[in-house]
Amino acid sequence: MPTVPSDLVQRLYRTPPDRFVAARDAAVAEARRTGDATAARQIARLKRPTVAAWLVNLLALERPELVADLASLAEALRAAQRDLKGAKLRELSAQRRAVVSALVAEVRRIAAATPDAPSAGKLPLAEVEATLNAALADAEVAEQVRSGRLLKAVHYAGFGEVPRPQLRLVTGGAEEPARAPDRERTEARRARDERAAERAARAERDSRRRALRRELASARTDQERAESELDSAVAAERDGTAALDRIETELAELERRRAVAEQELSRARLARRGAERTLTAARRRAGEVEAAVEALDAEEEDAAAGDDEAH
């Protein structure tokens, strides 16, 4: 893909699968906006990986040196199986399990540090482990893993190449007995190696089973924690609803009391205005009467003065 920057491709394959299509479409739109139709077509052909493949891609992009170590170990395993070196094969098989286990642990760590990644209990680590084992057995799968653009998990039924002993045609009756022990030893070695491979496969299945059980236990723990959080949330919601109902009841009572108080206040104001009018009328009447009394007193004083002058 010569016209598409490698950092853009890596960025897309670092994107969680549930957001891959949106990120890819945005990159296509940007390429079209800049007038690079070829790059837009090439970006549009990029496929969304599964979650397991995305985790393997993260490992290849974030820790390429660890993925590169798989190649040397894979070659050593294939050489040991081709040469029918049972002890060496068992040693390398144990090393393989340790390396794959360490890589799976690293995948878990990288996922935990990646935003929007699935929770630990939802990571398909068994598929990641199967893919890494397949990369150890198949050079083509290993190359896909190293590229950081794997699209789906890979499973491999066996391990390594099938041994193919070289058989030579024996001519003449005299040589037949001499070659028989070699064939018997070869068959015996093959049988031992097949048993060793079977034991290794069984150990690998047991390891995967243990890993799955650990994941199941973790998932159940997460489920119990989520159920507990849900129960707490439901109880908090129930308490909040009850408190809101109480407050609304109190508000309704306060509104009723407010209405009564407003009515009483209105009546009091009417009564005050009536009392003010009555007081004003009373004051006016009192003034009038007081003026009449003063006038009468003045008349009496005038009359008394006239009598005094007459005498």
C-alpha atoms as a PDB file:
ATOM      1  CA  MET A   1       0.000   0.000   0.000  1.00  0.00           C
ATOM      2  CA  PRO A   2       2.522   2.619  -1.153  1.00  0.00           C
ATOM      3  CA  THR A   3       0.250   5.675  -1.050  1.00  0.00           C
ATOM      4  CA  VAL A   4      -1.149   5.055   2.458  1.00  0.00           C
ATOM      5  CA  PRO A   5       1.154   6.074   5.347  1.00  0.00           C
ATOM      6  CA  SER A   6       2.071   3.136   7.549  1.00  0.00           C
ATOM      7  CA  ASP A   7       1.363   5.164  10.676  1.00  0.00           C
ATOM      8  CA  LEU A   8      -2.232   5.639   9.484  1.00  0.00           C
ATOM      9  CA  VAL A   9      -2.625   1.884   8.994  1.00  0.00           C
ATOM     10  CA  GLN A  10      -1.137   1.214  12.426  1.00  0.00           C
ATOM     11  CA  ARG A  11      -3.439   3.803  13.980  1.00  0.00           C
ATOM     12  CA  LEU A  12      -6.467   2.123  12.419  1.00  0.00           C
ATOM     13  CA  TYR A  13      -5.424  -1.334  13.618  1.00  0.00           C
ATOM     14  CA  ARG A  14      -4.822   0.064  17.097  1.00  0.00           C
ATOM     15  CA  THR A  15      -8.446   1.267  17.121  1.00  0.00           C
ATOM     16  CA  PRO A  16     -10.885  -1.018  19.033  1.00  0.00           C
ATOM     17  CA  PRO A  17     -12.964  -3.092  16.579  1.00  0.00           C
ATOM     18  CA  ASP A  18     -16.250  -1.452  17.528  1.00  0.00           C
ATOM     19  CA  ARG A  19     -14.840   1.903  16.364  1.00  0.00           C
ATOM     20  CA  PHE A  20     -12.711   0.630  13.466  1.00  0.00           C
ATOM     21  CA  VAL A  21     -15.288   1.208  10.705  1.00  0.00           C
ATOM     22  CA  ALA A  22     -15.963   4.790  11.799  1.00  0.00           C
ATOM     23  CA  ALA A  23     -12.221   5.546  11.981  1.00  0.00           C
ATOM     24  CA  ARG A  24     -11.607   3.921   8.583  1.00  0.00           C
ATOM     25  CA  ASP A  25     -14.482   5.858   6.973  1.00  0.00           C
ATOM     26  CA  ALA A  26     -13.122   9.095   8.428  1.00  0.00           C
ATOM     27  CA  ALA A  27      -9.693   8.301   6.945  1.00  0.00           C
ATOM     28  CA  VAL A  28     -11.299   7.553   3.555  1.00  0.00           C
ATOM     29  CA  ALA A  29     -13.162  10.879   3.677  1.00  0.00           C
ATOM     30  CA  GLU A  30      -9.944  12.721   4.552  1.00  0.00           C
ATOM     31  CA  ALA A  31      -8.074  11.062   1.657  1.00  0.00           C
ATOM     32  CA  ARG A  32     -10.863  12.041  -0.719  1.00  0.00           C
ATOM     33  CA  ARG A  33     -10.855  15.582   0.631  1.00  0.00           C
ATOM     34  CA  THR A  34      -7.144  15.885  -0.161  1.00  0.00           C
ATOM     35  CA  GLY A  35      -7.740  14.487  -3.653  1.00  0.00           C
ATOM     36  CA  ASP A  36      -5.945  11.134  -3.133  1.00  0.00           C
ATOM     37  CA  ALA A  37      -8.517   8.785  -4.644  1.00  0.00           C
ATOM     38  CA  THR A  38      -6.064   5.851  -4.783  1.00  0.00           C
ATOM     39  CA  ALA A  39      -5.338   6.077  -1.066  1.00  0.00           C
ATOM     40  CA  ALA A  40      -9.061   6.385  -0.352  1.00  0.00           C
ATOM     41  CA  ARG A  41      -9.751   3.138  -2.235  1.00  0.00           C
ATOM     42  CA  GLN A  42      -6.897   1.333  -0.488  1.00  0.00           C
ATOM     43  CA  ILE A  43      -8.002   2.510   2.947  1.00  0.00           C
ATOM     44  CA  ALA A  44     -11.592   1.485   2.205  1.00  0.00           C
ATOM     45  CA  ARG A  45     -10.380  -2.078   1.522  1.00  0.00           C
ATOM     46  CA  LEU A  46      -8.951  -2.423   5.043  1.00  0.00           C
ATOM     47  CA  LYS A  47     -10.965  -5.005   7.003  1.00  0.00           C
ATOM     48  CA  ARG A  48     -12.099  -4.763  10.584  1.00  0.00           C
ATOM     49  CA  PRO A  49     -10.322  -7.285  12.873  1.00  0.00           C
ATOM     50  CA  THR A  50     -12.015  -9.407  15.498  1.00  0.00           C
ATOM     51  CA  VAL A  51     -11.377  -8.541  19.132  1.00  0.00           C
ATOM     52  CA  ALA A  52      -8.855 -11.393  19.474  1.00  0.00           C
ATOM     53  CA  ALA A  53      -7.011 -10.329  16.293  1.00  0.00           C
ATOM     54  CA  TRP A  54      -7.047  -6.711  17.493  1.00  0.00           C
ATOM     55  CA  LEU A  55      -5.385  -7.772  20.758  1.00  0.00           C
ATOM     56  CA  VAL A  56      -2.683  -9.652  18.838  1.00  0.00           C
ATOM     57  CA  ASN A  57      -2.200  -6.581  16.609  1.00  0.00           C
ATOM     58  CA  LEU A  58      -1.785  -4.403  19.698  1.00  0.00           C
ATOM     59  CA  LEU A  59       0.898  -6.784  20.957  1.00  0.00           C
ATOM     60  CA  ALA A  60       2.718  -6.681  17.600  1.00  0.00           C
ATOM     61  CA  LEU A  61       2.502  -2.882  17.366  1.00  0.00           C
ATOM     62  CA  GLU A  62       3.275  -2.089  20.996  1.00  0.00           C
ATOM     63  CA  ARG A  63       5.886  -4.799  21.694  1.00  0.00           C
ATOM     64  CA  PRO A  64       7.360  -5.855  18.320  1.00  0.00           C
ATOM     65  CA  GLU A  65      10.519  -7.164  19.982  1.00  0.00           C
ATOM     66  CA  LEU A  66       8.495  -9.772  21.900  1.00  0.00           C
ATOM     67  CA  VAL A  67       6.697 -10.945  18.770  1.00  0.00           C
ATOM     68  CA  ALA A  68      10.014 -11.135  16.911  1.00  0.00           C
ATOM     69  CA  ASP A  69      11.283 -13.603  19.536  1.00  0.00           C
ATOM     70  CA  LEU A  70       8.578 -16.032  18.406  1.00  0.00           C
ATOM     71  CA  ALA A  71      10.361 -16.561  15.086  1.00  0.00           C
ATOM     72  CA  SER A  72      13.580 -17.908  16.604  1.00  0.00           C
ATOM     73  CA  LEU A  73      11.692 -20.128  19.023  1.00  0.00           C
ATOM     74  CA  ALA A  74       9.488 -21.455  16.194  1.00  0.00           C
ATOM     75  CA  GLU A  75      12.504 -22.323  14.073  1.00  0.00           C
ATOM     76  CA  ALA A  76      14.151 -24.128  16.990  1.00  0.00           C
ATOM     77  CA  LEU A  77      10.967 -26.137  17.565  1.00  0.00           C
ATOM     78  CA  ARG A  78      10.668 -27.094  13.897  1.00  0.00           C
ATOM     79  CA  ALA A  79      14.315 -28.112  13.777  1.00  0.00           C
ATOM     80  CA  ALA A  80      13.948 -30.261  16.893  1.00  0.00           C
ATOM     81  CA  GLN A  81      10.900 -32.001  15.470  1.00  0.00           C
ATOM     82  CA  ARG A  82      12.503 -32.543  12.071  1.00  0.00           C
ATOM     83  CA  ASP A  83      15.552 -34.086  13.725  1.00  0.00           C
ATOM     84  CA  LEU A  84      13.349 -36.140  16.060  1.00  0.00           C
ATOM     85  CA  LYS A  85      15.120 -34.794  19.142  1.00  0.00           C
ATOM     86  CA  GLY A  86      12.583 -35.716  21.776  1.00  0.00           C
ATOM     87  CA  ALA A  87      14.387 -34.269  24.811  1.00  0.00           C
ATOM     88  CA  LYS A  88      15.097 -31.008  23.035  1.00  0.00           C
ATOM     89  CA  LEU A  89      11.504 -30.890  21.773  1.00  0.00           C
ATOM     90  CA  ARG A  90      10.144 -31.309  25.276  1.00  0.00           C
ATOM     91  CA  GLU A  91      12.448 -28.581  26.551  1.00  0.00           C
ATOM     92  CA  LEU A  92      11.410 -26.219  23.774  1.00  0.00           C
ATOM     93  CA  SER A  93       7.738 -27.107  24.252  1.00  0.00           C
ATOM     94  CA  ALA A  94       8.002 -26.079  27.896  1.00  0.00           C
ATOM     95  CA  GLN A  95       9.722 -22.880  26.777  1.00  0.00           C
ATOM     96  CA  ARG A  96       6.950 -22.300  24.244  1.00  0.00           C
ATOM     97  CA  ARG A  97       4.268 -22.557  26.897  1.00  0.00           C
ATOM     98  CA  ALA A  98       6.147 -20.109  29.118  1.00  0.00           C
ATOM     99  CA  VAL A  99       6.646 -17.634  26.272  1.00  0.00           C
ATOM    100  CA  VAL A 100       3.031 -17.820  25.131  1.00  0.00           C
ATOM    101  CA  SER A 101       1.810 -17.419  28.707  1.00  0.00           C
ATOM    102  CA  ALA A 102       4.026 -14.340  29.140  1.00  0.00           C
ATOM    103  CA  LEU A 103       2.764 -12.872  25.864  1.00  0.00           C
ATOM    104  CA  VAL A 104      -0.868 -13.433  26.881  1.00  0.00           C
ATOM    105  CA  ALA A 105      -0.139 -11.663  30.180  1.00  0.00           C
ATOM    106  CA  GLU A 106       1.396  -8.782  28.216  1.00  0.00           C
ATOM    107  CA  VAL A 107      -1.727  -8.633  26.018  1.00  0.00           C
ATOM    108  CA  ARG A 108      -3.848  -8.368  29.160  1.00  0.00           C
ATOM    109  CA  ARG A 109      -1.640  -5.527  30.441  1.00  0.00           C
ATOM    110  CA  ILE A 110      -1.731  -3.631  27.135  1.00  0.00           C
ATOM    111  CA  ALA A 111      -5.525  -3.993  26.941  1.00  0.00           C
ATOM    112  CA  ALA A 112      -5.892  -2.671  30.492  1.00  0.00           C
ATOM    113  CA  ALA A 113      -3.934   0.457  29.479  1.00  0.00           C
ATOM    114  CA  THR A 114      -5.887   0.970  26.220  1.00  0.00           C
ATOM    115  CA  PRO A 115      -8.927   3.305  26.329  1.00  0.00           C
ATOM    116  CA  ASP A 116     -12.266   1.743  25.333  1.00  0.00           C
ATOM    117  CA  ALA A 117     -10.835  -1.794  25.477  1.00  0.00           C
ATOM    118  CA  PRO A 118     -13.152  -4.569  26.753  1.00  0.00           C
ATOM    119  CA  SER A 119     -12.950  -5.379  30.447  1.00  0.00           C
ATOM    120  CA  ALA A 120     -10.521  -8.067  31.574  1.00  0.00           C
ATOM    121  CA  GLY A 121     -13.317 -10.585  31.970  1.00  0.00           C
ATOM    122  CA  LYS A 122     -14.410 -10.114  28.342  1.00  0.00           C
ATOM    123  CA  LEU A 123     -11.012 -10.443  26.677  1.00  0.00           C
ATOM    124  CA  PRO A 124     -10.846 -13.520  24.360  1.00  0.00           C
ATOM    125  CA  LEU A 125      -7.440 -14.528  25.712  1.00  0.00           C
ATOM    126  CA  ALA A 126      -7.932 -18.185  24.753  1.00  0.00           C
ATOM    127  CA  GLU A 127      -8.151 -17.139  21.075  1.00  0.00           C
ATOM    128  CA  VAL A 128      -5.091 -14.912  21.512  1.00  0.00           C
ATOM    129  CA  GLU A 129      -3.180 -17.858  22.984  1.00  0.00           C
ATOM    130  CA  ALA A 130      -4.289 -20.136  20.131  1.00  0.00           C
ATOM    131  CA  THR A 131      -3.144 -17.558  17.572  1.00  0.00           C
ATOM    132  CA  LEU A 132       0.285 -17.226  19.176  1.00  0.00           C
ATOM    133  CA  ASN A 133       0.655 -21.002  19.222  1.00  0.00           C
ATOM    134  CA  ALA A 134      -0.320 -21.092  15.542  1.00  0.00           C
ATOM    135  CA  ALA A 135       2.309 -18.425  14.820  1.00  0.00           C
ATOM    136  CA  LEU A 136       4.918 -20.682  16.427  1.00  0.00           C
ATOM    137  CA  ALA A 137       3.838 -23.548  14.176  1.00  0.00           C
ATOM    138  CA  ASP A 138       3.275 -21.743  10.888  1.00  0.00           C
ATOM    139  CA  ALA A 139       5.666 -19.195   9.370  1.00  0.00           C
ATOM    140  CA  GLU A 140       2.885 -17.589   7.329  1.00  0.00           C
ATOM    141  CA  VAL A 141       0.761 -17.032  10.432  1.00  0.00           C
ATOM    142  CA  ALA A 142       3.824 -15.650  12.213  1.00  0.00           C
ATOM    143  CA  GLU A 143       4.301 -13.118   9.419  1.00  0.00           C
ATOM    144  CA  GLN A 144       0.643 -12.052   9.684  1.00  0.00           C
ATOM    145  CA  VAL A 145       1.059 -11.606  13.427  1.00  0.00           C
ATOM    146  CA  ARG A 146       4.238  -9.540  12.990  1.00  0.00           C
ATOM    147  CA  SER A 147       2.511  -7.289  10.446  1.00  0.00           C
ATOM    148  CA  GLY A 148       0.038  -6.012  13.079  1.00  0.00           C
ATOM    149  CA  ARG A 149      -2.815  -6.390  10.576  1.00  0.00           C
ATOM    150  CA  LEU A 150      -4.286  -9.739  11.580  1.00  0.00           C
ATOM    151  CA  LEU A 151      -8.026  -9.943  10.874  1.00  0.00           C
ATOM    152  CA  LYS A 152      -9.106 -12.979  12.893  1.00  0.00           C
ATOM    153  CA  ALA A 153      -7.785 -15.494  15.370  1.00  0.00           C
ATOM    154  CA  VAL A 154      -5.958 -18.545  14.018  1.00  0.00           C
ATOM    155  CA  HIS A 155      -6.185 -22.059  15.433  1.00  0.00           C
ATOM    156  CA  TYR A 156      -3.727 -24.865  14.803  1.00  0.00           C
ATOM    157  CA  ALA A 157      -4.662 -28.456  15.583  1.00  0.00           C
ATOM    158  CA  GLY A 158      -1.123 -29.788  15.944  1.00  0.00           C
ATOM    159  CA  PHE A 159       2.272 -28.225  16.416  1.00  0.00           C
ATOM    160  CA  GLY A 160       5.248 -27.876  14.118  1.00  0.00           C
ATOM    161  CA  GLU A 161       5.926 -29.698  10.907  1.00  0.00           C
ATOM    162  CA  VAL A 162       5.047 -33.331  10.451  1.00  0.00           C
ATOM    163  CA  PRO A 163       8.275 -35.330  10.597  1.00  0.00           C
ATOM    164  CA  ARG A 164       9.141 -36.978   7.284  1.00  0.00           C
ATOM    165  CA  PRO A 165      12.011 -39.512   7.700  1.00  0.00           C
ATOM    166  CA  GLN A 166      13.971 -40.125   4.523  1.00  0.00           C
ATOM    167  CA  LEU A 167      13.445 -43.721   3.321  1.00  0.00           C
ATOM    168  CA  ARG A 168      15.838 -45.297   0.862  1.00  0.00           C
ATOM    169  CA  LEU A 169      14.976 -48.201  -1.415  1.00  0.00           C
ATOM    170  CA  VAL A 170      16.822 -51.338  -0.319  1.00  0.00           C
ATOM    171  CA  THR A 171      17.956 -53.654  -3.118  1.00  0.00           C
ATOM    172  CA  GLY A 172      19.095 -57.177  -2.668  1.00  0.00           C
ATOM    173  CA  GLY A 173      17.978 -59.629  -0.047  1.00  0.00           C
ATOM    174  CA  ALA A 174      21.206 -59.371   1.943  1.00  0.00           C
ATOM    175  CA  GLU A 175      20.740 -55.747   2.950  1.00  0.00           C
ATOM    176  CA  GLU A 176      17.143 -56.081   4.194  1.00  0.00           C
ATOM    177  CA  PRO A 177      17.978 -57.333   7.693  1.00  0.00           C
ATOM    178  CA  ALA A 178      20.643 -54.662   8.144  1.00  0.00           C
ATOM    179  CA  ARG A 179      18.165 -51.854   7.443  1.00  0.00           C
ATOM    180  CA  ALA A 180      15.400 -53.229   9.655  1.00  0.00           C
ATOM    181  CA  PRO A 181      16.885 -52.037  12.981  1.00  0.00           C
ATOM    182  CA  ASP A 182      17.243 -48.506  11.568  1.00  0.00           C
ATOM    183  CA  ARG A 183      13.621 -48.503  10.528  1.00  0.00           C
ATOM    184  CA  GLU A 184      12.597 -49.889  13.890  1.00  0.00           C
ATOM    185  CA  ARG A 185      14.566 -47.212  15.713  1.00  0.00           C
ATOM    186  CA  THR A 186      13.065 -44.572  13.453  1.00  0.00           C
ATOM    187  CA  GLU A 187       9.562 -45.890  14.099  1.00  0.00           C
ATOM    188  CA  ALA A 188      10.282 -46.050  17.830  1.00  0.00           C
ATOM    189  CA  ARG A 189      11.564 -42.491  17.842  1.00  0.00           C
ATOM    190  CA  ARG A 190       8.545 -41.388  15.833  1.00  0.00           C
ATOM    191  CA  ALA A 191       6.226 -43.110  18.279  1.00  0.00           C
ATOM    192  CA  ARG A 192       8.008 -41.487  21.230  1.00  0.00           C
ATOM    193  CA  ASP A 193       7.848 -38.102  19.580  1.00  0.00           C
ATOM    194  CA  GLU A 194       4.175 -38.563  18.767  1.00  0.00           C
ATOM    195  CA  ARG A 195       3.513 -39.450  22.390  1.00  0.00           C
ATOM    196  CA  ALA A 196       5.545 -36.436  23.496  1.00  0.00           C
ATOM    197  CA  ALA A 197       3.634 -34.219  21.087  1.00  0.00           C
ATOM    198  CA  GLU A 198       0.364 -35.665  22.369  1.00  0.00           C
ATOM    199  CA  ARG A 199       1.440 -34.980  25.953  1.00  0.00           C
ATOM    200  CA  ALA A 200       2.440 -31.455  24.977  1.00  0.00           C
ATOM    201  CA  ALA A 201      -0.920 -30.908  23.281  1.00  0.00           C
ATOM    202  CA  ARG A 202      -2.698 -32.297  26.326  1.00  0.00           C
ATOM    203  CA  ALA A 203      -0.661 -30.024  28.589  1.00  0.00           C
ATOM    204  CA  GLU A 204      -1.493 -27.117  26.329  1.00  0.00           C
ATOM    205  CA  ARG A 205      -5.200 -27.922  26.514  1.00  0.00           C
ATOM    206  CA  ASP A 206      -4.940 -28.182  30.286  1.00  0.00           C
ATOM    207  CA  SER A 207      -3.193 -24.820  30.370  1.00  0.00           C
ATOM    208  CA  ARG A 208      -5.923 -23.278  28.237  1.00  0.00           C
ATOM    209  CA  ARG A 209      -8.562 -24.898  30.410  1.00  0.00           C
ATOM    210  CA  ARG A 210      -6.952 -23.424  33.525  1.00  0.00           C
ATOM    211  CA  ALA A 211      -6.735 -20.028  31.856  1.00  0.00           C
ATOM    212  CA  LEU A 212     -10.404 -20.242  30.870  1.00  0.00           C
ATOM    213  CA  ARG A 213     -11.348 -21.229  34.391  1.00  0.00           C
ATOM    214  CA  ARG A 214      -9.432 -18.248  35.730  1.00  0.00           C
ATOM    215  CA  GLU A 215     -11.207 -16.031  33.218  1.00  0.00           C
ATOM    216  CA  LEU A 216     -14.542 -17.569  34.219  1.00  0.00           C
ATOM    217  CA  ALA A 217     -13.817 -16.939  37.893  1.00  0.00           C
ATOM    218  CA  SER A 218     -12.845 -13.362  37.067  1.00  0.00           C
ATOM    219  CA  ALA A 219     -15.981 -12.926  34.951  1.00  0.00           C
ATOM    220  CA  ARG A 220     -18.162 -14.288  37.755  1.00  0.00           C
ATOM    221  CA  THR A 221     -16.472 -11.941  40.211  1.00  0.00           C
ATOM    222  CA  ASP A 222     -17.169  -9.041  37.868  1.00  0.00           C
ATOM    223  CA  GLN A 223     -20.766 -10.235  37.516  1.00  0.00           C
ATOM    224  CA  GLU A 224     -21.237 -10.441  41.290  1.00  0.00           C
ATOM    225  CA  ARG A 225     -19.711  -6.991  41.686  1.00  0.00           C
ATOM    226  CA  ALA A 226     -21.988  -5.611  38.967  1.00  0.00           C
ATOM    227  CA  GLU A 227     -25.040  -7.256  40.568  1.00  0.00           C
ATOM    228  CA  SER A 228     -24.084  -5.751  43.929  1.00  0.00           C
ATOM    229  CA  GLU A 229     -23.662  -2.334  42.335  1.00  0.00           C
ATOM    230  CA  LEU A 230     -27.034  -2.751  40.612  1.00  0.00           C
ATOM    231  CA  ASP A 231     -28.714  -3.667  43.920  1.00  0.00           C
ATOM    232  CA  SER A 232     -27.149  -0.608  45.553  1.00  0.00           C
ATOM    233  CA  ALA A 233     -28.256   1.596  42.676  1.00  0.00           C
ATOM    234  CA  VAL A 234     -31.817   0.218  42.824  1.00  0.00           C
ATOM    235  CA  ALA A 235     -31.949   0.807  46.588  1.00  0.00           C
ATOM    236  CA  ALA A 236     -30.596   4.349  46.153  1.00  0.00           C
ATOM    237  CA  GLU A 237     -33.165   5.016  43.430  1.00  0.00           C
ATOM    238  CA  ARG A 238     -35.945   3.667  45.668  1.00  0.00           C
ATOM    239  CA  ASP A 239     -34.801   5.857  48.585  1.00  0.00           C
ATOM    240  CA  GLY A 240     -34.532   8.877  46.297  1.00  0.00           C
ATOM    241  CA  THR A 241     -38.042   8.289  44.974  1.00  0.00           C
ATOM    242  CA  ALA A 242     -39.434   8.031  48.512  1.00  0.00           C
ATOM    243  CA  ALA A 243     -37.612  11.216  49.565  1.00  0.00           C
ATOM    244  CA  LEU A 244     -38.928  13.028  46.497  1.00  0.00           C
ATOM    245  CA  ASP A 245     -42.469  11.855  47.283  1.00  0.00           C
ATOM    246  CA  ARG A 246     -42.137  13.162  50.845  1.00  0.00           C
ATOM    247  CA  ILE A 247     -40.822  16.504  49.630  1.00  0.00           C
ATOM    248  CA  GLU A 248     -43.607  16.790  47.073  1.00  0.00           C
ATOM    249  CA  THR A 249     -46.168  16.037  49.813  1.00  0.00           C
ATOM    250  CA  GLU A 250     -44.607  18.674  52.048  1.00  0.00           C
ATOM    251  CA  LEU A 251     -44.589  21.128  49.145  1.00  0.00           C
ATOM    252  CA  ALA A 252     -48.278  20.446  48.510  1.00  0.00           C
ATOM    253  CA  GLU A 253     -49.057  21.077  52.192  1.00  0.00           C
ATOM    254  CA  LEU A 254     -47.012  24.269  52.144  1.00  0.00           C
ATOM    255  CA  GLU A 255     -48.849  25.396  49.011  1.00  0.00           C
ATOM    256  CA  ARG A 256     -52.180  24.735  50.738  1.00  0.00           C
ATOM    257  CA  ARG A 257     -51.078  26.668  53.831  1.00  0.00           C
ATOM    258  CA  ARG A 258     -49.798  29.455  51.642  1.00  0.00           C
ATOM    259  CA  ALA A 259     -53.175  29.692  49.905  1.00  0.00           C
ATOM    260  CA  VAL A 260     -54.968  29.835  53.281  1.00  0.00           C
ATOM    261  CA  ALA A 261     -52.526  32.481  54.550  1.00  0.00           C
ATOM    262  CA  GLU A 262     -53.040  34.548  51.400  1.00  0.00           C
ATOM    263  CA  GLN A 263     -56.804  34.382  51.886  1.00  0.00           C
ATOM    264  CA  GLU A 264     -56.467  35.427  55.529  1.00  0.00           C
ATOM    265  CA  LEU A 265     -54.118  38.224  54.539  1.00  0.00           C
ATOM    266  CA  SER A 266     -56.601  39.419  51.902  1.00  0.00           C
ATOM    267  CA  ARG A 267     -59.423  39.459  54.463  1.00  0.00           C
ATOM    268  CA  ALA A 268     -57.195  41.288  56.944  1.00  0.00           C
ATOM    269  CA  ARG A 269     -56.377  43.914  54.333  1.00  0.00           C
ATOM    270  CA  LEU A 270     -60.074  44.398  53.558  1.00  0.00           C
ATOM    271  CA  ALA A 271     -60.796  44.684  57.255  1.00  0.00           C
ATOM    272  CA  ARG A 272     -57.976  47.233  57.660  1.00  0.00           C
ATOM    273  CA  ARG A 273     -59.285  49.337  54.792  1.00  0.00           C
ATOM    274  CA  GLY A 274     -62.804  49.222  56.278  1.00  0.00           C
ATOM    275  CA  ALA A 275     -61.451  50.201  59.688  1.00  0.00           C
ATOM    276  CA  GLU A 276     -59.469  53.041  58.105  1.00  0.00           C
ATOM    277  CA  ARG A 277     -62.614  54.335  56.378  1.00  0.00           C
ATOM    278  CA  THR A 278     -64.604  54.071  59.620  1.00  0.00           C
ATOM    279  CA  LEU A 279     -61.843  55.869  61.516  1.00  0.00           C
ATOM    280  CA  THR A 280     -61.737  58.647  58.926  1.00  0.00           C
ATOM    281  CA  ALA A 281     -65.532  59.099  59.121  1.00  0.00           C
ATOM    282  CA  ALA A 282     -65.408  59.050  62.905  1.00  0.00           C
ATOM    283  CA  ARG A 283     -62.649  61.647  62.962  1.00  0.00           C
ATOM    284  CA  ARG A 284     -64.562  63.839  60.530  1.00  0.00           C
ATOM    285  CA  ARG A 285     -67.751  63.520  62.621  1.00  0.00           C
ATOM    286  CA  ALA A 286     -65.839  64.217  65.813  1.00  0.00           C
ATOM    287  CA  GLY A 287     -64.389  67.350  64.235  1.00  0.00           C
ATOM    288  CA  GLU A 288     -67.791  68.518  63.143  1.00  0.00           C
ATOM    289  CA  VAL A 289     -69.303  67.945  66.590  1.00  0.00           C
ATOM    290  CA  GLU A 290     -66.342  69.607  68.267  1.00  0.00           C
ATOM    291  CA  ALA A 291     -66.796  72.639  66.000  1.00  0.00           C
ATOM    292  CA  ALA A 292     -70.507  72.768  66.824  1.00  0.00           C
ATOM    293  CA  VAL A 293     -69.760  72.607  70.535  1.00  0.00           C
ATOM    294  CA  GLU A 294     -67.234  75.391  70.240  1.00  0.00           C
ATOM    295  CA  ALA A 295     -69.716  77.474  68.279  1.00  0.00           C
ATOM    296  CA  LEU A 296     -72.393  76.867  70.921  1.00  0.00           C
ATOM    297  CA  ASP A 297     -69.977  77.794  73.699  1.00  0.00           C
ATOM    298  CA  ALA A 298     -69.133  80.992  71.871  1.00  0.00           C
ATOM    299  CA  GLU A 299     -72.811  81.914  71.527  1.00  0.00           C
ATOM    300  CA  GLU A 300     -73.361  81.327  75.212  1.00  0.00           C
ATOM    301  CA  GLU A 301     -70.416  83.504  76.091  1.00  0.00           C
ATOM    302  CA  ASP A 302     -71.705  86.253  73.810  1.00  0.00           C
ATOM    303  CA  ALA A 303     -75.179  86.006  75.360  1.00  0.00           C
ATOM    304  CA  ALA A 304     -73.772  86.160  78.872  1.00  0.00           C
ATOM    305  CA  ALA A 305     -71.740  89.222  78.003  1.00  0.00           C
ATOM    306  CA  GLY A 306     -74.862  91.009  76.691  1.00  0.00           C
ATOM    307  CA  ASP A 307     -76.763  90.352  79.892  1.00  0.00           C
ATOM    308  CA  ASP A 308     -73.972  91.813  81.948  1.00  0.00           C
ATOM    309  CA  GLU A 309     -73.975  95.038  79.960  1.00  0.00           C
ATOM    310  CA  ALA A 310     -77.770  95.334  80.278  1.00  0.00           C
ATOM    311  CA  HIS A 311     -77.540  95.333  84.073  1.00  0.00           C
END
